[in-house]
Amino acid sequence: MDHSSELKRSAEDLIALLQKSEATLDHVSRKLEEEFAHRFKDSKVDPMSLAKRLKRLADEVPALKAECQTLLQRKQALIDAAKRQLLSNRTTVQQLCARAGVPVEDDSSTFEGFTDVISQWDCQVARQKSGLLSEQPSYLSRDELNRELAKTMLTRG
């Protein structure tokens, strides 16, 4: 037997072995799926579908994280622009009132409320950035989550 026919026969044996292995794996996979279907037919919990769902969610998390980061950056840019514009408008109104000799309306409580909200937002962004930099997720406690949900519901209603 020459060397090339021996190589050809070895390659054919390898291909046959790989095909047999693939058939065996397909058979095992079908058996496992049947066993899962039989074992969990009365249960609403299917480990296979849960595992697939978890994998899909884990694959989506990086994209969602990037989208959230983009949204936060855009929101921050919008807040910064609004802050600059409102401060400029307030200063301009005060200057115009002074030139016209009209008494300036006391808006200090409104302005303090505005600066408080902006300060709270800045603190929240700083906390989030520090959490992202340390690569450890920052989770809200149950009480904090309940407070945030209550605030959201109150601002909507």
Protein backbone atom coordinates (compact mmCIF):
# COMPACT_ATOMS: atom_id res chain seq x y z
CA MET A 1 0.00 0.00 0.00
CA ASP A 2 1.46 3.34 -0.95
CA HIS A 3 1.64 6.37 1.30
CA SER A 4 -1.05 8.44 -0.45
CA SER A 5 -3.69 5.70 -0.30
CA GLU A 6 -2.87 5.19 3.39
CA LEU A 7 -3.41 8.92 4.03
CA LYS A 8 -6.65 8.82 2.07
CA ARG A 9 -7.90 5.83 4.07
CA SER A 10 -6.92 7.54 7.35
CA ALA A 11 -8.73 10.71 6.32
CA GLU A 12 -11.84 8.71 5.41
CA ASP A 13 -11.68 6.90 8.77
CA LEU A 14 -11.37 10.25 10.56
CA ILE A 15 -14.35 11.68 8.66
CA ALA A 16 -16.40 8.56 9.46
CA LEU A 17 -15.44 8.84 13.14
CA LEU A 18 -16.41 12.54 13.21
CA GLN A 19 -19.76 11.77 11.55
CA LYS A 20 -20.41 8.99 14.06
CA SER A 21 -19.53 11.37 16.92
CA GLU A 22 -21.88 14.01 15.53
CA ALA A 23 -24.69 11.45 15.26
CA THR A 24 -24.05 10.31 18.83
CA LEU A 25 -24.11 13.92 20.10
CA ASP A 26 -27.36 14.59 18.22
CA HIS A 27 -28.87 11.45 19.76
CA VAL A 28 -27.78 12.48 23.28
CA SER A 29 -29.14 15.99 22.72
CA ARG A 30 -32.52 14.62 21.59
CA LYS A 31 -32.65 12.25 24.57
CA LEU A 32 -31.87 15.10 27.00
CA GLU A 33 -34.54 17.32 25.44
CA GLU A 34 -37.08 14.47 25.66
CA GLU A 35 -36.11 13.82 29.28
CA PHE A 36 -36.48 17.51 30.13
CA ALA A 37 -39.83 17.67 28.33
CA HIS A 38 -41.05 14.57 30.18
CA ARG A 39 -39.66 15.57 33.56
CA PHE A 40 -40.93 19.15 33.49
CA LYS A 41 -44.13 18.76 31.45
CA ASP A 42 -46.36 19.62 34.42
CA SER A 43 -44.05 22.32 35.72
CA LYS A 44 -44.02 25.87 34.48
CA VAL A 45 -40.26 25.91 34.95
CA ASP A 46 -38.28 24.53 32.06
CA PRO A 47 -34.53 24.57 32.81
CA MET A 48 -33.61 24.51 29.13
CA SER A 49 -35.69 27.53 28.24
CA LEU A 50 -34.49 29.32 31.38
CA ALA A 51 -30.87 28.62 30.46
CA LYS A 52 -31.45 29.86 26.90
CA ARG A 53 -33.19 32.96 28.18
CA LEU A 54 -30.39 33.68 30.67
CA LYS A 55 -27.79 33.29 27.91
CA ARG A 56 -29.74 35.64 25.63
CA LEU A 57 -30.08 38.19 28.42
CA ALA A 58 -26.40 37.92 29.30
CA ASP A 59 -25.57 38.55 25.64
CA GLU A 60 -27.82 41.64 25.58
CA VAL A 61 -26.46 43.24 28.78
CA PRO A 62 -23.32 44.82 27.23
CA ALA A 63 -25.36 46.46 24.47
CA LEU A 64 -27.92 47.74 26.97
CA LYS A 65 -25.15 49.03 29.21
CA ALA A 66 -23.64 50.93 26.27
CA GLU A 67 -27.05 52.36 25.33
CA CYS A 68 -27.64 53.48 28.91
CA GLN A 69 -24.25 55.15 29.01
CA THR A 70 -25.05 56.98 25.77
CA LEU A 71 -28.42 58.09 27.15
CA LEU A 72 -26.81 59.31 30.36
CA GLN A 73 -24.25 61.31 28.40
CA ARG A 74 -26.98 62.88 26.26
CA LYS A 75 -29.10 63.61 29.31
CA GLN A 76 -26.11 65.21 31.03
CA ALA A 77 -25.42 67.35 27.97
CA LEU A 78 -29.06 68.43 27.89
CA ILE A 79 -29.05 69.25 31.60
CA ASP A 80 -25.83 71.23 31.26
CA ALA A 81 -27.23 73.20 28.32
CA ALA A 82 -30.51 73.88 30.15
CA LYS A 83 -28.63 74.95 33.28
CA ARG A 84 -26.48 77.39 31.32
CA GLN A 85 -29.50 78.77 29.45
CA LEU A 86 -31.63 79.18 32.58
CA LEU A 87 -28.84 80.88 34.50
CA SER A 88 -28.17 83.18 31.55
CA ASN A 89 -31.88 84.00 31.21
CA ARG A 90 -32.20 84.71 34.93
CA THR A 91 -29.22 87.06 34.85
CA THR A 92 -30.53 88.79 31.73
CA VAL A 93 -34.00 89.29 33.26
CA GLN A 94 -32.47 90.72 36.43
CA GLN A 95 -30.31 93.12 34.38
CA LEU A 96 -33.26 94.22 32.23
CA CYS A 97 -35.40 94.81 35.31
CA ALA A 98 -32.61 96.86 36.88
CA ARG A 99 -32.21 98.99 33.71
CA ALA A 100 -35.96 99.52 33.42
CA GLY A 101 -36.23 100.42 37.07
CA VAL A 102 -38.73 97.64 37.66
CA PRO A 103 -38.40 95.79 40.95
CA VAL A 104 -36.93 92.32 40.50
CA GLU A 105 -39.32 89.57 41.51
CA ASP A 106 -37.98 87.42 44.32
CA ASP A 107 -37.36 84.04 42.76
CA SER A 108 -34.78 82.85 45.27
CA SER A 109 -36.86 79.87 46.45
CA THR A 110 -37.42 78.70 42.88
CA PHE A 111 -33.76 79.23 42.07
CA GLU A 112 -32.69 77.31 45.20
CA GLY A 113 -35.00 74.46 44.22
CA PHE A 114 -33.46 74.42 40.77
CA THR A 115 -29.90 74.37 42.11
CA ASP A 116 -30.85 71.61 44.60
CA VAL A 117 -32.22 69.42 41.83
CA ILE A 118 -29.10 70.00 39.72
CA SER A 119 -26.87 69.21 42.71
CA GLN A 120 -28.77 65.99 43.39
CA TRP A 121 -28.40 64.98 39.75
CA ASP A 122 -24.66 65.75 39.83
CA CYS A 123 -24.26 63.62 42.98
CA GLN A 124 -26.18 60.77 41.38
CA VAL A 125 -24.02 60.92 38.24
CA ALA A 126 -20.84 61.03 40.35
CA ARG A 127 -22.01 57.94 42.28
CA GLN A 128 -22.77 56.10 39.06
CA LYS A 129 -19.41 57.03 37.56
CA SER A 130 -17.57 55.85 40.65
CA GLY A 131 -19.54 52.58 40.50
CA LEU A 132 -18.66 52.14 36.83
CA LEU A 133 -15.02 52.92 37.40
CA SER A 134 -14.71 50.39 40.18
CA GLU A 135 -16.47 47.83 37.93
CA GLN A 136 -18.62 46.78 40.85
CA PRO A 137 -22.32 47.19 40.29
CA SER A 138 -24.01 49.60 42.62
CA TYR A 139 -27.33 48.17 43.69
CA LEU A 140 -30.04 50.01 45.49
CA SER A 141 -31.15 48.62 48.79
CA ARG A 142 -34.78 47.55 49.07
CA ASP A 143 -35.63 50.77 50.93
CA GLU A 144 -33.84 52.95 48.37
CA LEU A 145 -35.59 51.13 45.54
CA ASN A 146 -38.97 51.62 47.21
CA ARG A 147 -38.26 55.34 47.72
CA GLU A 148 -37.23 55.75 44.09
CA LEU A 149 -40.34 53.92 42.89
CA ALA A 150 -42.52 56.08 45.14
CA LYS A 151 -40.87 59.25 43.79
CA THR A 152 -41.47 58.07 40.23
CA MET A 153 -45.11 57.29 40.93
CA LEU A 154 -45.63 60.65 42.66
CA THR A 155 -44.08 62.62 39.83
CA ARG A 156 -46.23 60.80 37.24
CA GLY A 157 -49.46 61.20 39.19
